[in-house]
PDB file of all heavy atoms in Angstrom:
ATOM      1  N   ILE A   1      31.169 -63.089 -24.882  1.00  0.00           N
ATOM      2  CA  ILE A   1      30.896 -64.438 -25.183  1.00  0.00           C
ATOM      3  C   ILE A   1      32.146 -65.238 -25.092  1.00  0.00           C
ATOM      4  O   ILE A   1      32.268 -66.439 -24.716  1.00  0.00           O
ATOM      5  CB  ILE A   1      30.258 -64.690 -26.460  1.00  0.00           C
ATOM      6  CG1 ILE A   1      28.822 -63.978 -26.529  1.00  0.00           C
ATOM      7  CG2 ILE A   1      29.980 -66.143 -26.740  1.00  0.00           C
ATOM      8  CD1 ILE A   1      27.877 -64.437 -25.470  1.00  0.00           C
ATOM      9  N   VAL A   2      33.310 -64.641 -25.479  1.00  0.00           N
ATOM     10  CA  VAL A   2      34.639 -65.193 -25.277  1.00  0.00           C
ATOM     11  C   VAL A   2      35.535 -64.118 -24.680  1.00  0.00           C
ATOM     12  O   VAL A   2      35.083 -63.011 -24.518  1.00  0.00           O
ATOM     13  CB  VAL A   2      35.322 -65.688 -26.672  1.00  0.00           C
ATOM     14  CG1 VAL A   2      34.626 -66.986 -27.207  1.00  0.00           C
ATOM     15  CG2 VAL A   2      35.334 -64.629 -27.692  1.00  0.00           C
ATOM     16  N   ALA A   3      36.792 -64.512 -24.374  1.00  0.00           N
ATOM     17  CA  ALA A   3      37.586 -63.578 -23.455  1.00  0.00           C
ATOM     18  C   ALA A   3      38.094 -62.351 -24.301  1.00  0.00           C
ATOM     19  O   ALA A   3      38.512 -61.386 -23.583  1.00  0.00           O
ATOM     20  CB  ALA A   3      38.741 -64.424 -22.886  1.00  0.00           C
ATOM     21  N   SER A   4      38.200 -62.454 -25.554  1.00  0.00           N
ATOM     22  CA  SER A   4      38.812 -61.332 -26.197  1.00  0.00           C
ATOM     23  C   SER A   4      38.318 -61.168 -27.702  1.00  0.00           C
ATOM     24  O   SER A   4      37.810 -62.178 -28.226  1.00  0.00           O
ATOM     25  CB  SER A   4      40.303 -61.411 -26.318  1.00  0.00           C
ATOM     26  OG  SER A   4      40.835 -62.567 -27.168  1.00  0.00           O
ATOM     27  N   ASP A   5      38.537 -60.012 -28.339  1.00  0.00           N
ATOM     28  CA  ASP A   5      38.095 -59.882 -29.706  1.00  0.00           C
ATOM     29  C   ASP A   5      38.963 -60.826 -30.631  1.00  0.00           C
ATOM     30  O   ASP A   5      38.519 -61.327 -31.636  1.00  0.00           O
ATOM     31  CB  ASP A   5      38.309 -58.473 -30.182  1.00  0.00           C
ATOM     32  CG  ASP A   5      39.680 -57.827 -29.806  1.00  0.00           C
ATOM     33  OD1 ASP A   5      40.449 -58.505 -29.094  1.00  0.00           O
ATOM     34  OD2 ASP A   5      39.876 -56.595 -30.192  1.00  0.00           O
ATOM     35  N   ASP A   6      40.297 -61.046 -30.269  1.00  0.00           N
ATOM     36  CA  ASP A   6      41.067 -61.988 -31.041  1.00  0.00           C
ATOM     37  C   ASP A   6      40.374 -63.408 -31.078  1.00  0.00           C
ATOM     38  O   ASP A   6      40.394 -64.065 -32.081  1.00  0.00           O
ATOM     39  CB  ASP A   6      42.431 -62.184 -30.456  1.00  0.00           C
ATOM     40  CG  ASP A   6      43.407 -61.100 -30.907  1.00  0.00           C
ATOM     41  OD1 ASP A   6      42.983 -60.245 -31.842  1.00  0.00           O
ATOM     42  OD2 ASP A   6      44.562 -60.936 -30.471  1.00  0.00           O
ATOM     43  N   LEU A   7      39.936 -63.811 -29.954  1.00  0.00           N
ATOM     44  CA  LEU A   7      39.230 -65.148 -29.812  1.00  0.00           C
ATOM     45  C   LEU A   7      37.959 -65.214 -30.662  1.00  0.00           C
ATOM     46  O   LEU A   7      37.495 -66.289 -31.152  1.00  0.00           O
ATOM     47  CB  LEU A   7      38.932 -65.499 -28.401  1.00  0.00           C
ATOM     48  CG  LEU A   7      40.219 -65.914 -27.659  1.00  0.00           C
ATOM     49  CD1 LEU A   7      39.893 -66.171 -26.121  1.00  0.00           C
ATOM     50  CD2 LEU A   7      40.979 -67.072 -28.212  1.00  0.00           C
ATOM     51  N   ILE A   8      37.191 -64.023 -30.779  1.00  0.00           N
ATOM     52  CA  ILE A   8      36.022 -64.081 -31.654  1.00  0.00           C
ATOM     53  C   ILE A   8      36.517 -64.317 -33.066  1.00  0.00           C
ATOM     54  O   ILE A   8      35.911 -65.112 -33.865  1.00  0.00           O
ATOM     55  CB  ILE A   8      35.347 -62.720 -31.534  1.00  0.00           C
ATOM     56  CG1 ILE A   8      34.496 -62.619 -30.214  1.00  0.00           C
ATOM     57  CG2 ILE A   8      34.293 -62.477 -32.764  1.00  0.00           C
ATOM     58  CD1 ILE A   8      33.727 -61.312 -30.064  1.00  0.00           C
ATOM     59  N   ASP A   9      37.565 -63.638 -33.588  1.00  0.00           N
ATOM     60  CA  ASP A   9      38.025 -63.832 -34.834  1.00  0.00           C
ATOM     61  C   ASP A   9      38.524 -65.214 -35.135  1.00  0.00           C
ATOM     62  O   ASP A   9      38.163 -65.927 -36.001  1.00  0.00           O
ATOM     63  CB  ASP A   9      39.193 -62.891 -35.163  1.00  0.00           C
ATOM     64  CG  ASP A   9      38.801 -61.443 -35.389  1.00  0.00           C
ATOM     65  OD1 ASP A   9      37.621 -61.182 -35.581  1.00  0.00           O
ATOM     66  OD2 ASP A   9      39.617 -60.505 -35.194  1.00  0.00           O
ATOM     67  N   ALA A  10      39.271 -65.777 -34.097  1.00  0.00           N
ATOM     68  CA  ALA A  10      39.693 -67.271 -34.204  1.00  0.00           C
ATOM     69  C   ALA A  10      38.487 -68.175 -34.322  1.00  0.00           C
ATOM     70  O   ALA A  10      38.530 -69.030 -35.121  1.00  0.00           O
ATOM     71  CB  ALA A  10      40.526 -67.494 -32.976  1.00  0.00           C
ATOM     72  N   GLY A  11      37.519 -67.928 -33.482  1.00  0.00           N
ATOM     73  CA  GLY A  11      36.299 -68.790 -33.472  1.00  0.00           C
ATOM     74  C   GLY A  11      35.589 -68.844 -34.810  1.00  0.00           C
ATOM     75  O   GLY A  11      35.316 -69.932 -35.316  1.00  0.00           O
ATOM     76  N   VAL A  12      35.478 -67.646 -35.375  1.00  0.00           N
ATOM     77  CA  VAL A  12      34.692 -67.558 -36.573  1.00  0.00           C
ATOM     78  C   VAL A  12      35.451 -68.052 -37.815  1.00  0.00           C
ATOM     79  O   VAL A  12      34.989 -68.719 -38.675  1.00  0.00           O
ATOM     80  CB  VAL A  12      34.197 -66.089 -36.825  1.00  0.00           C
ATOM     81  CG1 VAL A  12      33.378 -65.909 -38.198  1.00  0.00           C
ATOM     82  CG2 VAL A  12      33.327 -65.584 -35.706  1.00  0.00           C
ATOM     83  N   ILE A  13      36.752 -67.812 -37.821  1.00  0.00           N
ATOM     84  CA  ILE A  13      37.601 -68.352 -38.872  1.00  0.00           C
ATOM     85  C   ILE A  13      37.611 -69.928 -38.829  1.00  0.00           C
ATOM     86  O   ILE A  13      37.371 -70.552 -39.890  1.00  0.00           O
ATOM     87  CB  ILE A  13      39.054 -67.773 -38.744  1.00  0.00           C
ATOM     88  CG1 ILE A  13      39.075 -66.343 -39.138  1.00  0.00           C
ATOM     89  CG2 ILE A  13      39.979 -68.510 -39.749  1.00  0.00           C
ATOM     90  CD1 ILE A  13      40.315 -65.631 -38.872  1.00  0.00           C
ATOM     91  N   PHE A  14      37.947 -70.454 -37.656  1.00  0.00           N
ATOM     92  CA  PHE A  14      38.148 -71.933 -37.615  1.00  0.00           C
ATOM     93  C   PHE A  14      36.807 -72.682 -37.392  1.00  0.00           C
ATOM     94  O   PHE A  14      36.837 -73.853 -37.651  1.00  0.00           O
ATOM     95  CB  PHE A  14      39.065 -72.242 -36.487  1.00  0.00           C
ATOM     96  CG  PHE A  14      40.476 -71.729 -36.713  1.00  0.00           C
ATOM     97  CD1 PHE A  14      41.024 -70.685 -35.968  1.00  0.00           C
ATOM     98  CD2 PHE A  14      41.320 -72.290 -37.811  1.00  0.00           C
ATOM     99  CE1 PHE A  14      42.275 -70.231 -36.185  1.00  0.00           C
ATOM    100  CE2 PHE A  14      42.533 -71.824 -38.019  1.00  0.00           C
ATOM    101  CZ  PHE A  14      43.023 -70.721 -37.184  1.00  0.00           C
ATOM    102  N   GLY A  15      35.739 -71.919 -37.064  1.00  0.00           N
ATOM    103  CA  GLY A  15      34.454 -72.614 -36.916  1.00  0.00           C
ATOM    104  C   GLY A  15      33.491 -72.480 -38.164  1.00  0.00           C
ATOM    105  O   GLY A  15      32.680 -73.297 -38.306  1.00  0.00           O
ATOM    106  N   THR A  16      33.801 -71.490 -38.995  1.00  0.00           N
ATOM    107  CA  THR A  16      32.934 -71.285 -40.104  1.00  0.00           C
ATOM    108  C   THR A  16      33.717 -71.167 -41.485  1.00  0.00           C
ATOM    109  O   THR A  16      33.201 -71.345 -42.586  1.00  0.00           O
ATOM    110  CB  THR A  16      32.174 -69.911 -40.075  1.00  0.00           C
ATOM    111  OG1 THR A  16      33.019 -68.851 -40.195  1.00  0.00           O
ATOM    112  CG2 THR A  16      31.404 -69.788 -38.716  1.00  0.00           C
ATOM    113  N   GLY A  17      35.077 -71.029 -41.430  1.00  0.00           N
ATOM    114  CA  GLY A  17      35.903 -70.884 -42.557  1.00  0.00           C
ATOM    115  C   GLY A  17      35.780 -69.384 -43.078  1.00  0.00           C
ATOM    116  O   GLY A  17      36.240 -69.201 -44.149  1.00  0.00           O
ATOM    117  N   PHE A  18      35.313 -68.477 -42.234  1.00  0.00           N
ATOM    118  CA  PHE A  18      35.329 -67.045 -42.639  1.00  0.00           C
ATOM    119  C   PHE A  18      36.721 -66.591 -43.254  1.00  0.00           C
ATOM    120  O   PHE A  18      37.736 -66.906 -42.695  1.00  0.00           O
ATOM    121  CB  PHE A  18      35.040 -66.249 -41.327  1.00  0.00           C
ATOM    122  CG  PHE A  18      35.085 -64.690 -41.585  1.00  0.00           C
ATOM    123  CD1 PHE A  18      33.889 -64.015 -41.882  1.00  0.00           C
ATOM    124  CD2 PHE A  18      36.150 -63.975 -41.606  1.00  0.00           C
ATOM    125  CE1 PHE A  18      33.838 -62.761 -42.163  1.00  0.00           C
ATOM    126  CE2 PHE A  18      36.216 -62.593 -41.867  1.00  0.00           C
ATOM    127  CZ  PHE A  18      35.010 -61.935 -42.152  1.00  0.00           C
ATOM    128  N   ALA A  19      36.644 -66.089 -44.458  1.00  0.00           N
ATOM    129  CA  ALA A  19      37.727 -65.657 -45.201  1.00  0.00           C
ATOM    130  C   ALA A  19      39.012 -65.412 -44.342  1.00  0.00           C
ATOM    131  O   ALA A  19      39.183 -64.339 -43.932  1.00  0.00           O
ATOM    132  CB  ALA A  19      37.391 -64.494 -46.034  1.00  0.00           C
ATOM    133  N   PRO A  20      39.973 -66.415 -44.356  1.00  0.00           N
ATOM    134  CA  PRO A  20      41.176 -66.180 -43.517  1.00  0.00           C
ATOM    135  C   PRO A  20      42.008 -65.081 -43.836  1.00  0.00           C
ATOM    136  O   PRO A  20      42.560 -64.405 -43.012  1.00  0.00           O
ATOM    137  CB  PRO A  20      41.941 -67.628 -43.714  1.00  0.00           C
ATOM    138  CG  PRO A  20      40.878 -68.519 -44.076  1.00  0.00           C
ATOM    139  CD  PRO A  20      39.941 -67.745 -44.931  1.00  0.00           C
ATOM    140  N   PHE A  21      42.049 -64.713 -45.218  1.00  0.00           N
ATOM    141  CA  PHE A  21      42.867 -63.653 -45.719  1.00  0.00           C
ATOM    142  C   PHE A  21      42.314 -62.357 -45.324  1.00  0.00           C
ATOM    143  O   PHE A  21      43.075 -61.237 -45.472  1.00  0.00           O
ATOM    144  CB  PHE A  21      42.993 -63.654 -47.252  1.00  0.00           C
ATOM    145  CG  PHE A  21      41.701 -63.398 -47.962  1.00  0.00           C
ATOM    146  CD1 PHE A  21      41.330 -62.105 -48.393  1.00  0.00           C
ATOM    147  CD2 PHE A  21      40.748 -64.450 -48.201  1.00  0.00           C
ATOM    148  CE1 PHE A  21      40.178 -61.835 -49.045  1.00  0.00           C
ATOM    149  CE2 PHE A  21      39.600 -64.091 -48.971  1.00  0.00           C
ATOM    150  CZ  PHE A  21      39.296 -62.852 -49.314  1.00  0.00           C
ATOM    151  N   ARG A  22      41.162 -62.269 -44.692  1.00  0.00           N
ATOM    152  CA  ARG A  22      40.701 -60.974 -44.069  1.00  0.00           C
ATOM    153  C   ARG A  22      40.939 -60.923 -42.570  1.00  0.00           C
ATOM    154  O   ARG A  22      40.598 -59.789 -41.978  1.00  0.00           O
ATOM    155  CB  ARG A  22      39.131 -60.750 -44.376  1.00  0.00           C
ATOM    156  CG  ARG A  22      38.800 -60.724 -45.908  1.00  0.00           C
ATOM    157  CD  ARG A  22      37.359 -60.448 -46.096  1.00  0.00           C
ATOM    158  NE  ARG A  22      36.953 -60.613 -47.523  1.00  0.00           N
ATOM    159  CZ  ARG A  22      37.169 -59.641 -48.427  1.00  0.00           C
ATOM    160  NH1 ARG A  22      37.787 -58.540 -48.161  1.00  0.00           N
ATOM    161  NH2 ARG A  22      36.729 -59.828 -49.736  1.00  0.00           N
ATOM    162  N   GLY A  23      41.466 -61.886 -41.929  1.00  0.00           N
ATOM    163  CA  GLY A  23      41.865 -61.772 -40.524  1.00  0.00           C
ATOM    164  C   GLY A  23      40.768 -61.875 -39.491  1.00  0.00           C
ATOM    165  O   GLY A  23      41.135 -61.752 -38.322  1.00  0.00           O
ATOM    166  N   GLY A  24      39.550 -62.263 -39.910  1.00  0.00           N
ATOM    167  CA  GLY A  24      38.468 -62.303 -38.819  1.00  0.00           C
ATOM    168  C   GLY A  24      37.586 -61.114 -38.932  1.00  0.00           C
ATOM    169  O   GLY A  24      37.953 -60.049 -39.351  1.00  0.00           O
ATOM    170  N   PRO A  25      36.315 -61.264 -38.472  1.00  0.00           N
ATOM    171  CA  PRO A  25      35.307 -60.215 -38.565  1.00  0.00           C
ATOM    172  C   PRO A  25      35.612 -58.892 -37.901  1.00  0.00           C
ATOM    173  O   PRO A  25      35.463 -57.800 -38.295  1.00  0.00           O
ATOM    174  CB  PRO A  25      33.992 -60.867 -38.056  1.00  0.00           C
ATOM    175  CG  PRO A  25      34.472 -62.036 -37.284  1.00  0.00           C
ATOM    176  CD  PRO A  25      35.792 -62.473 -37.880  1.00  0.00           C
ATOM    177  N   ILE A  26      36.037 -59.010 -36.599  1.00  0.00           N
ATOM    178  CA  ILE A  26      36.395 -57.843 -35.835  1.00  0.00           C
ATOM    179  C   ILE A  26      37.568 -57.151 -36.471  1.00  0.00           C
ATOM    180  O   ILE A  26      37.573 -55.889 -36.617  1.00  0.00           O
ATOM    181  CB  ILE A  26      36.646 -58.124 -34.361  1.00  0.00           C
ATOM    182  CG1 ILE A  26      35.476 -58.936 -33.644  1.00  0.00           C
ATOM    183  CG2 ILE A  26      36.968 -56.895 -33.598  1.00  0.00           C
ATOM    184  CD1 ILE A  26      34.143 -58.077 -33.575  1.00  0.00           C
ATOM    185  N   HIS A  27      38.601 -57.938 -36.756  1.00  0.00           N
ATOM    186  CA  HIS A  27      39.784 -57.329 -37.496  1.00  0.00           C
ATOM    187  C   HIS A  27      39.340 -56.637 -38.856  1.00  0.00           C
ATOM    188  O   HIS A  27      39.834 -55.585 -39.126  1.00  0.00           O
ATOM    189  CB  HIS A  27      40.747 -58.431 -37.664  1.00  0.00           C
ATOM    190  CG  HIS A  27      42.041 -57.906 -38.373  1.00  0.00           C
ATOM    191  ND1 HIS A  27      43.045 -57.245 -37.697  1.00  0.00           N
ATOM    192  CD2 HIS A  27      42.611 -58.033 -39.633  1.00  0.00           C
ATOM    193  CE1 HIS A  27      44.137 -56.943 -38.596  1.00  0.00           C
ATOM    194  NE2 HIS A  27      43.741 -57.451 -39.664  1.00  0.00           N
ATOM    195  N   TYR A  28      38.486 -57.266 -39.592  1.00  0.00           N
ATOM    196  CA  TYR A  28      37.992 -56.708 -40.806  1.00  0.00           C
ATOM    197  C   TYR A  28      37.352 -55.417 -40.751  1.00  0.00           C
ATOM    198  O   TYR A  28      37.531 -54.543 -41.408  1.00  0.00           O
ATOM    199  CB  TYR A  28      37.099 -57.728 -41.528  1.00  0.00           C
ATOM    200  CG  TYR A  28      36.453 -57.249 -42.839  1.00  0.00           C
ATOM    201  CD1 TYR A  28      37.237 -57.166 -43.891  1.00  0.00           C
ATOM    202  CD2 TYR A  28      35.092 -56.872 -42.841  1.00  0.00           C
ATOM    203  CE1 TYR A  28      36.744 -56.657 -45.109  1.00  0.00           C
ATOM    204  CE2 TYR A  28      34.634 -56.464 -44.069  1.00  0.00           C
ATOM    205  CZ  TYR A  28      35.368 -56.321 -45.132  1.00  0.00           C
ATOM    206  OH  TYR A  28      34.867 -55.871 -46.322  1.00  0.00           O
ATOM    207  N   VAL A  29      36.478 -55.286 -39.684  1.00  0.00           N
ATOM    208  CA  VAL A  29      35.809 -54.014 -39.353  1.00  0.00           C
ATOM    209  C   VAL A  29      36.807 -52.892 -39.065  1.00  0.00           C
ATOM    210  O   VAL A  29      36.691 -51.775 -39.610  1.00  0.00           O
ATOM    211  CB  VAL A  29      34.800 -54.123 -38.223  1.00  0.00           C
ATOM    212  CG1 VAL A  29      34.240 -52.768 -37.792  1.00  0.00           C
ATOM    213  CG2 VAL A  29      33.710 -55.022 -38.563  1.00  0.00           C
ATOM    214  N   ARG A  30      37.788 -53.233 -38.347  1.00  0.00           N
ATOM    215  CA  ARG A  30      38.781 -52.166 -37.939  1.00  0.00           C
ATOM    216  C   ARG A  30      39.681 -51.780 -39.137  1.00  0.00           C
ATOM    217  O   ARG A  30      40.013 -50.655 -39.340  1.00  0.00           O
ATOM    218  CB  ARG A  30      39.670 -52.696 -36.778  1.00  0.00           C
ATOM    219  CG  ARG A  30      38.928 -52.774 -35.444  1.00  0.00           C
ATOM    220  CD  ARG A  30      39.793 -53.339 -34.320  1.00  0.00           C
ATOM    221  NE  ARG A  30      39.145 -53.247 -33.134  1.00  0.00           N
ATOM    222  CZ  ARG A  30      39.233 -54.093 -32.130  1.00  0.00           C
ATOM    223  NH1 ARG A  30      39.927 -55.192 -32.267  1.00  0.00           N
ATOM    224  NH2 ARG A  30      38.587 -53.911 -30.987  1.00  0.00           N
ATOM    225  N   GLU A  31      40.091 -52.798 -39.964  1.00  0.00           N
ATOM    226  CA  GLU A  31      40.875 -52.570 -41.077  1.00  0.00           C
ATOM    227  C   GLU A  31      40.154 -51.854 -42.189  1.00  0.00           C
ATOM    228  O   GLU A  31      40.675 -51.003 -42.832  1.00  0.00           O
ATOM    229  CB  GLU A  31      41.414 -53.879 -41.608  1.00  0.00           C
ATOM    230  CG  GLU A  31      42.519 -54.615 -40.760  1.00  0.00           C
ATOM    231  CD  GLU A  31      43.777 -53.666 -40.693  1.00  0.00           C
ATOM    232  OE1 GLU A  31      44.450 -53.554 -41.819  1.00  0.00           O
ATOM    233  OE2 GLU A  31      44.207 -53.289 -39.589  1.00  0.00           O
ATOM    234  N   THR A  32      38.838 -52.215 -42.421  1.00  0.00           N
ATOM    235  CA  THR A  32      38.114 -51.580 -43.546  1.00  0.00           C
ATOM    236  C   THR A  32      37.637 -50.134 -43.098  1.00  0.00           C
ATOM    237  O   THR A  32      37.564 -49.315 -44.005  1.00  0.00           O
ATOM    238  CB  THR A  32      36.886 -52.482 -43.888  1.00  0.00           C
ATOM    239  OG1 THR A  32      37.353 -53.793 -44.201  1.00  0.00           O
ATOM    240  CG2 THR A  32      36.134 -51.822 -45.097  1.00  0.00           C
ATOM    241  N   GLY A  33      37.355 -50.032 -41.769  1.00  0.00           N
ATOM    242  CA  GLY A  33      36.904 -48.736 -41.334  1.00  0.00           C
ATOM    243  C   GLY A  33      35.556 -48.817 -40.730  1.00  0.00           C
ATOM    244  O   GLY A  33      34.618 -49.076 -41.530  1.00  0.00           O
ATOM    245  N   LYS A  34      35.425 -48.655 -39.397  1.00  0.00           N
ATOM    246  CA  LYS A  34      34.048 -48.856 -38.807  1.00  0.00           C
ATOM    247  C   LYS A  34      33.080 -47.733 -39.293  1.00  0.00           C
ATOM    248  O   LYS A  34      31.902 -47.995 -39.466  1.00  0.00           O
ATOM    249  CB  LYS A  34      34.236 -48.809 -37.365  1.00  0.00           C
ATOM    250  CG  LYS A  34      34.509 -47.535 -36.647  1.00  0.00           C
ATOM    251  CD  LYS A  34      34.632 -47.691 -35.166  1.00  0.00           C
ATOM    252  CE  LYS A  34      35.076 -46.271 -34.567  1.00  0.00           C
ATOM    253  NZ  LYS A  34      35.048 -46.338 -33.037  1.00  0.00           N
ATOM    254  N   GLN A  35      33.661 -46.581 -39.612  1.00  0.00           N
ATOM    255  CA  GLN A  35      32.723 -45.511 -40.139  1.00  0.00           C
ATOM    256  C   GLN A  35      32.112 -45.839 -41.498  1.00  0.00           C
ATOM    257  O   GLN A  35      30.883 -45.782 -41.815  1.00  0.00           O
ATOM    258  CB  GLN A  35      33.488 -44.226 -40.283  1.00  0.00           C
ATOM    259  CG  GLN A  35      32.668 -42.919 -40.578  1.00  0.00           C
ATOM    260  CD  GLN A  35      31.566 -42.622 -39.522  1.00  0.00           C
ATOM    261  OE1 GLN A  35      31.911 -42.649 -38.275  1.00  0.00           O
ATOM    262  NE2 GLN A  35      30.377 -42.563 -39.949  1.00  0.00           N
ATOM    263  N   LYS A  36      32.978 -46.286 -42.339  1.00  0.00           N
ATOM    264  CA  LYS A  36      32.579 -46.691 -43.731  1.00  0.00           C
ATOM    265  C   LYS A  36      31.549 -47.894 -43.678  1.00  0.00           C
ATOM    266  O   LYS A  36      30.417 -47.772 -44.290  1.00  0.00           O
ATOM    267  CB  LYS A  36      33.743 -47.157 -44.561  1.00  0.00           C
ATOM    268  CG  LYS A  36      33.472 -47.707 -45.914  1.00  0.00           C
ATOM    269  CD  LYS A  36      34.708 -48.200 -46.642  1.00  0.00           C
ATOM    270  CE  LYS A  36      34.381 -48.748 -47.932  1.00  0.00           C
ATOM    271  NZ  LYS A  36      35.645 -49.236 -48.703  1.00  0.00           N
ATOM    272  N   LEU A  37      31.914 -48.876 -42.882  1.00  0.00           N
ATOM    273  CA  LEU A  37      30.934 -50.075 -42.789  1.00  0.00           C
ATOM    274  C   LEU A  37      29.711 -49.653 -42.036  1.00  0.00           C
ATOM    275  O   LEU A  37      28.545 -50.106 -42.269  1.00  0.00           O
ATOM    276  CB  LEU A  37      31.632 -51.193 -42.106  1.00  0.00           C
ATOM    277  CG  LEU A  37      32.807 -51.815 -42.962  1.00  0.00           C
ATOM    278  CD1 LEU A  37      33.429 -52.921 -42.128  1.00  0.00           C
ATOM    279  CD2 LEU A  37      32.248 -52.474 -44.153  1.00  0.00           C
ATOM    280  N   GLY A  38      29.739 -48.715 -41.022  1.00  0.00           N
ATOM    281  CA  GLY A  38      28.599 -48.300 -40.203  1.00  0.00           C
ATOM    282  C   GLY A  38      27.678 -47.471 -40.988  1.00  0.00           C
ATOM    283  O   GLY A  38      26.508 -47.685 -40.894  1.00  0.00           O
TER     284      GLY A  38
END
């Protein structure tokens, strides 16, 4: 839908106010652990 995973994070942070201190949804999945969240 956009050119990169960084741009997904940017769009959701600046378009919805998604918790900036978590770095964006894709970044949050990677940092928290995709296995744990999965």
